[in-house]
Amino acid sequence: MNAESDARDGVAGAAAPSPAAGEVTGDGSPDVIEDVVKEERALGSRAPGFVKASRALHLSWQVGVFVVGLAVVVAGIIMLPLPGPGWLVIFGGMAIWATEFVWAQLVLRWTRRKVTEAAQKALDPKVRRRNIILTVIGLVIIVVLVGIYVWKFGIVMPWKIHE
C-alpha cells in the first residue's frame, strides 16, 4: 500500500489547518508559540481528485509527471559542467517528481533538512569567524603569489597598445 491509496480509501484523514504563529485564532487571541515546528505535508500524490479516481488516468498522470521531471533533471545535469543553474534545475525536477512520488518527497525533505542544518551551522559565530579568517588568509596568499608573479615576469598584455 502507498500513501495515495490510503488517502483514497479514507485511511489517512486530512488534518484541519492550524493558524500560523502570530495569526489571530477564532477567539480573537493571537496564537504565539515559541519554537514552532512547521508541519510537513502528507506524503503521496497531489494529483487532482478526478485524476486519482480513475486508475488508468492516474497511472498516465504519473508517467507524464515522471517524464517531465526526468527532462528537467537531465537538463540540470547537463547544466552542471555548462553555464546555467544546474543544481537549481535538478532540485526543480525533484520538486516536480515530489508532486507525485513519495520517494522524491522524502529526498526533498532530507535535502531541506540538511540545507537548514548547514545554514544554522554557518550562522554560528565561531564558524563564521573561522570562515572569515580562512578567507582572509586565502586572499593574502593569492595576492602574494600574484605579486611575486608580476615582480618576476611583469605584466604583458596580449595585445599591442603602443602601435
C-alpha atoms as a PDB file:
ATOM      1  CA  MET A   1       0.000   0.000   0.000  1.00  0.00           C
ATOM      2  CA  ASN A   2       1.121   3.514  -0.544  1.00  0.00           C
ATOM      3  CA  ALA A   3       0.058   6.866   0.830  1.00  0.00           C
ATOM      4  CA  GLU A   4      -2.125   7.761  -2.121  1.00  0.00           C
ATOM      5  CA  SER A   5      -4.215   4.593  -1.920  1.00  0.00           C
ATOM      6  CA  ASP A   6      -4.578   5.090   1.842  1.00  0.00           C
ATOM      7  CA  ALA A   7      -5.879   8.586   1.190  1.00  0.00           C
ATOM      8  CA  ARG A   8      -8.311   7.248  -1.439  1.00  0.00           C
ATOM      9  CA  ASP A   9      -9.592   4.594   0.941  1.00  0.00           C
ATOM     10  CA  GLY A  10     -10.123   7.176   3.664  1.00  0.00           C
ATOM     11  CA  VAL A  11      -7.463   5.754   5.987  1.00  0.00           C
ATOM     12  CA  ALA A  12      -5.375   8.906   6.054  1.00  0.00           C
ATOM     13  CA  GLY A  13      -7.637  11.774   7.045  1.00  0.00           C
ATOM     14  CA  ALA A  14      -6.782  15.366   6.241  1.00  0.00           C
ATOM     15  CA  ALA A  15      -5.778  17.433   9.239  1.00  0.00           C
ATOM     16  CA  ALA A  16      -7.521  20.720   9.814  1.00  0.00           C
ATOM     17  CA  PRO A  17      -5.250  23.635   9.010  1.00  0.00           C
ATOM     18  CA  SER A  18      -3.899  25.328  12.095  1.00  0.00           C
ATOM     19  CA  PRO A  19      -3.190  29.050  12.184  1.00  0.00           C
ATOM     20  CA  ALA A  20       0.428  30.100  11.737  1.00  0.00           C
ATOM     21  CA  ALA A  21       2.347  31.695  14.575  1.00  0.00           C
ATOM     22  CA  GLY A  22       1.192  35.239  15.194  1.00  0.00           C
ATOM     23  CA  GLU A  23      -2.176  34.798  13.470  1.00  0.00           C
ATOM     24  CA  VAL A  24      -5.349  35.547  15.333  1.00  0.00           C
ATOM     25  CA  THR A  25      -7.388  32.468  16.187  1.00  0.00           C
ATOM     26  CA  GLY A  26     -11.163  32.247  16.190  1.00  0.00           C
ATOM     27  CA  ASP A  27     -11.442  33.531  19.796  1.00  0.00           C
ATOM     28  CA  GLY A  28      -9.573  36.738  18.909  1.00  0.00           C
ATOM     29  CA  SER A  29      -6.364  35.971  20.803  1.00  0.00           C
ATOM     30  CA  PRO A  30      -3.105  35.841  18.875  1.00  0.00           C
ATOM     31  CA  ASP A  31      -1.608  32.379  18.537  1.00  0.00           C
ATOM     32  CA  VAL A  32       2.024  32.832  19.540  1.00  0.00           C
ATOM     33  CA  ILE A  33       4.026  29.661  20.042  1.00  0.00           C
ATOM     34  CA  GLU A  34       7.739  29.573  20.798  1.00  0.00           C
ATOM     35  CA  ASP A  35       9.858  27.174  18.717  1.00  0.00           C
ATOM     36  CA  VAL A  36       7.077  26.411  16.260  1.00  0.00           C
ATOM     37  CA  VAL A  37       7.750  23.230  14.318  1.00  0.00           C
ATOM     38  CA  LYS A  38       6.363  23.568  10.819  1.00  0.00           C
ATOM     39  CA  GLU A  39       4.082  20.677   9.915  1.00  0.00           C
ATOM     40  CA  GLU A  40       5.177  18.764   6.853  1.00  0.00           C
ATOM     41  CA  ARG A  41       2.665  17.927   4.179  1.00  0.00           C
ATOM     42  CA  ALA A  42       1.335  14.412   3.979  1.00  0.00           C
ATOM     43  CA  LEU A  43       3.197  12.110   1.634  1.00  0.00           C
ATOM     44  CA  GLY A  44       1.534  10.970  -1.556  1.00  0.00           C
ATOM     45  CA  SER A  45       0.094  12.153  -4.805  1.00  0.00           C
ATOM     46  CA  ARG A  46      -1.051  15.726  -5.238  1.00  0.00           C
ATOM     47  CA  ALA A  47      -2.940  14.953  -8.418  1.00  0.00           C
ATOM     48  CA  PRO A  48      -6.471  16.363  -8.763  1.00  0.00           C
ATOM     49  CA  GLY A  49      -9.284  14.211  -7.420  1.00  0.00           C
ATOM     50  CA  PHE A  50     -10.731  13.332 -10.826  1.00  0.00           C
ATOM     51  CA  VAL A  51      -7.316  12.004 -11.874  1.00  0.00           C
ATOM     52  CA  LYS A  52      -6.995   9.876  -8.737  1.00  0.00           C
ATOM     53  CA  ALA A  53     -10.489   8.485  -9.258  1.00  0.00           C
ATOM     54  CA  SER A  54      -9.500   6.583 -12.412  1.00  0.00           C
ATOM     55  CA  ARG A  55      -6.613   4.113 -12.091  1.00  0.00           C
ATOM     56  CA  ALA A  56      -5.681   4.364 -15.786  1.00  0.00           C
ATOM     57  CA  LEU A  57      -5.806   8.154 -15.764  1.00  0.00           C
ATOM     58  CA  HIS A  58      -3.748   8.298 -12.574  1.00  0.00           C
ATOM     59  CA  LEU A  59      -1.127   5.951 -13.995  1.00  0.00           C
ATOM     60  CA  SER A  60      -0.847   8.040 -17.162  1.00  0.00           C
ATOM     61  CA  TRP A  61      -0.642  11.170 -14.968  1.00  0.00           C
ATOM     62  CA  GLN A  62       2.271   9.602 -13.050  1.00  0.00           C
ATOM     63  CA  VAL A  63       4.052   8.674 -16.294  1.00  0.00           C
ATOM     64  CA  GLY A  64       3.635  12.253 -17.538  1.00  0.00           C
ATOM     65  CA  VAL A  65       4.959  13.716 -14.277  1.00  0.00           C
ATOM     66  CA  PHE A  66       7.900  11.306 -14.364  1.00  0.00           C
ATOM     67  CA  VAL A  67       8.794  12.196 -17.962  1.00  0.00           C
ATOM     68  CA  VAL A  68       8.580  15.957 -17.338  1.00  0.00           C
ATOM     69  CA  GLY A  69      10.610  15.644 -14.108  1.00  0.00           C
ATOM     70  CA  LEU A  70      13.180  13.472 -15.875  1.00  0.00           C
ATOM     71  CA  ALA A  71      13.574  16.041 -18.653  1.00  0.00           C
ATOM     72  CA  VAL A  72      14.152  18.815 -16.106  1.00  0.00           C
ATOM     73  CA  VAL A  73      16.640  16.729 -14.087  1.00  0.00           C
ATOM     74  CA  VAL A  74      18.563  15.767 -17.242  1.00  0.00           C
ATOM     75  CA  ALA A  75      18.662  19.444 -18.276  1.00  0.00           C
ATOM     76  CA  GLY A  76      20.062  20.274 -14.825  1.00  0.00           C
ATOM     77  CA  ILE A  77      22.702  17.545 -15.107  1.00  0.00           C
ATOM     78  CA  ILE A  78      23.707  18.944 -18.500  1.00  0.00           C
ATOM     79  CA  MET A  79      23.988  22.410 -16.933  1.00  0.00           C
ATOM     80  CA  LEU A  80      26.404  21.226 -14.239  1.00  0.00           C
ATOM     81  CA  PRO A  81      29.514  21.483 -16.448  1.00  0.00           C
ATOM     82  CA  LEU A  82      27.959  24.095 -18.746  1.00  0.00           C
ATOM     83  CA  PRO A  83      26.781  27.604 -17.867  1.00  0.00           C
ATOM     84  CA  GLY A  84      23.484  27.578 -16.067  1.00  0.00           C
ATOM     85  CA  PRO A  85      21.943  26.962 -12.668  1.00  0.00           C
ATOM     86  CA  GLY A  86      22.449  23.172 -12.736  1.00  0.00           C
ATOM     87  CA  TRP A  87      21.698  22.305  -9.113  1.00  0.00           C
ATOM     88  CA  LEU A  88      18.712  24.631  -9.023  1.00  0.00           C
ATOM     89  CA  VAL A  89      17.232  22.956 -12.098  1.00  0.00           C
ATOM     90  CA  ILE A  90      17.917  19.481 -10.669  1.00  0.00           C
ATOM     91  CA  PHE A  91      16.077  20.387  -7.469  1.00  0.00           C
ATOM     92  CA  GLY A  92      13.276  21.821  -9.618  1.00  0.00           C
ATOM     93  CA  GLY A  93      12.959  18.453 -11.355  1.00  0.00           C
ATOM     94  CA  MET A  94      12.938  16.732  -7.971  1.00  0.00           C
ATOM     95  CA  ALA A  95      10.148  19.087  -6.892  1.00  0.00           C
ATOM     96  CA  ILE A  96       8.174  18.115  -9.992  1.00  0.00           C
ATOM     97  CA  TRP A  97       8.643  14.442  -9.105  1.00  0.00           C
ATOM     98  CA  ALA A  98       7.694  15.197  -5.484  1.00  0.00           C
ATOM     99  CA  THR A  99       4.220  16.254  -6.591  1.00  0.00           C
ATOM    100  CA  GLU A 100       3.546  12.607  -7.372  1.00  0.00           C
ATOM    101  CA  PHE A 101       6.155  10.257  -5.862  1.00  0.00           C
ATOM    102  CA  VAL A 102       6.770   9.599  -2.171  1.00  0.00           C
ATOM    103  CA  TRP A 103      10.465   8.789  -2.670  1.00  0.00           C
ATOM    104  CA  ALA A 104      11.070  12.232  -4.200  1.00  0.00           C
ATOM    105  CA  GLN A 105       9.178  13.884  -1.343  1.00  0.00           C
ATOM    106  CA  LEU A 106      11.425  12.083   1.140  1.00  0.00           C
ATOM    107  CA  VAL A 107      14.566  13.122  -0.766  1.00  0.00           C
ATOM    108  CA  LEU A 108      13.428  16.766  -0.802  1.00  0.00           C
ATOM    109  CA  ARG A 109      12.612  16.678   2.925  1.00  0.00           C
ATOM    110  CA  TRP A 110      16.051  15.238   3.667  1.00  0.00           C
ATOM    111  CA  THR A 111      17.701  17.857   1.437  1.00  0.00           C
ATOM    112  CA  ARG A 112      15.717  20.693   3.011  1.00  0.00           C
ATOM    113  CA  ARG A 113      16.686  19.462   6.486  1.00  0.00           C
ATOM    114  CA  LYS A 114      20.401  19.244   5.570  1.00  0.00           C
ATOM    115  CA  VAL A 115      20.386  22.719   3.965  1.00  0.00           C
ATOM    116  CA  THR A 116      18.707  24.168   7.060  1.00  0.00           C
ATOM    117  CA  GLU A 117      21.285  22.488   9.312  1.00  0.00           C
ATOM    118  CA  ALA A 118      24.130  23.828   7.155  1.00  0.00           C
ATOM    119  CA  ALA A 119      22.651  27.339   7.235  1.00  0.00           C
ATOM    120  CA  GLN A 120      22.332  27.202  11.019  1.00  0.00           C
ATOM    121  CA  LYS A 121      25.894  25.942  11.310  1.00  0.00           C
ATOM    122  CA  ALA A 122      27.153  28.705   9.005  1.00  0.00           C
ATOM    123  CA  LEU A 123      25.464  31.325  11.192  1.00  0.00           C
ATOM    124  CA  ASP A 124      27.269  30.066  14.299  1.00  0.00           C
ATOM    125  CA  PRO A 125      29.650  32.871  15.389  1.00  0.00           C
ATOM    126  CA  LYS A 126      32.622  30.518  15.860  1.00  0.00           C
ATOM    127  CA  VAL A 127      32.167  29.004  12.402  1.00  0.00           C
ATOM    128  CA  ARG A 128      31.699  32.435  10.812  1.00  0.00           C
ATOM    129  CA  ARG A 129      34.856  33.712  12.479  1.00  0.00           C
ATOM    130  CA  ARG A 130      36.799  30.654  11.276  1.00  0.00           C
ATOM    131  CA  ASN A 131      35.461  31.057   7.732  1.00  0.00           C
ATOM    132  CA  ILE A 132      36.341  34.757   7.656  1.00  0.00           C
ATOM    133  CA  ILE A 133      39.866  34.036   8.926  1.00  0.00           C
ATOM    134  CA  LEU A 134      40.381  31.276   6.334  1.00  0.00           C
ATOM    135  CA  THR A 135      39.060  33.517   3.558  1.00  0.00           C
ATOM    136  CA  VAL A 136      41.380  36.379   4.549  1.00  0.00           C
ATOM    137  CA  ILE A 137      44.377  34.009   4.731  1.00  0.00           C
ATOM    138  CA  GLY A 138      43.500  32.577   1.302  1.00  0.00           C
ATOM    139  CA  LEU A 139      43.182  36.063  -0.215  1.00  0.00           C
ATOM    140  CA  VAL A 140      46.519  37.147   1.286  1.00  0.00           C
ATOM    141  CA  ILE A 141      48.209  34.055  -0.193  1.00  0.00           C
ATOM    142  CA  ILE A 142      46.691  34.758  -3.618  1.00  0.00           C
ATOM    143  CA  VAL A 143      47.736  38.437  -3.511  1.00  0.00           C
ATOM    144  CA  VAL A 144      51.291  37.470  -2.517  1.00  0.00           C
ATOM    145  CA  LEU A 145      51.526  34.882  -5.324  1.00  0.00           C
ATOM    146  CA  VAL A 146      50.198  37.355  -7.913  1.00  0.00           C
ATOM    147  CA  GLY A 147      52.629  39.993  -6.612  1.00  0.00           C
ATOM    148  CA  ILE A 148      55.568  37.590  -6.945  1.00  0.00           C
ATOM    149  CA  TYR A 149      54.495  36.687 -10.480  1.00  0.00           C
ATOM    150  CA  VAL A 150      54.143  40.330 -11.538  1.00  0.00           C
ATOM    151  CA  TRP A 151      57.503  41.225  -9.913  1.00  0.00           C
ATOM    152  CA  LYS A 152      59.275  38.332 -11.654  1.00  0.00           C
ATOM    153  CA  PHE A 153      57.627  38.447 -15.103  1.00  0.00           C
ATOM    154  CA  GLY A 154      55.874  41.825 -15.280  1.00  0.00           C
ATOM    155  CA  ILE A 155      52.516  42.445 -16.856  1.00  0.00           C
ATOM    156  CA  VAL A 156      52.379  41.530 -20.518  1.00  0.00           C
ATOM    157  CA  MET A 157      49.219  42.451 -22.338  1.00  0.00           C
ATOM    158  CA  PRO A 158      48.058  40.075 -25.076  1.00  0.00           C
ATOM    159  CA  TRP A 159      47.610  42.998 -27.463  1.00  0.00           C
ATOM    160  CA  LYS A 160      49.983  45.731 -28.663  1.00  0.00           C
ATOM    161  CA  ILE A 161      48.756  49.083 -27.424  1.00  0.00           C
ATOM    162  CA  HIS A 162      51.789  51.222 -28.360  1.00  0.00           C
ATOM    163  CA  GLU A 163      51.429  50.700 -32.131  1.00  0.00           C
END
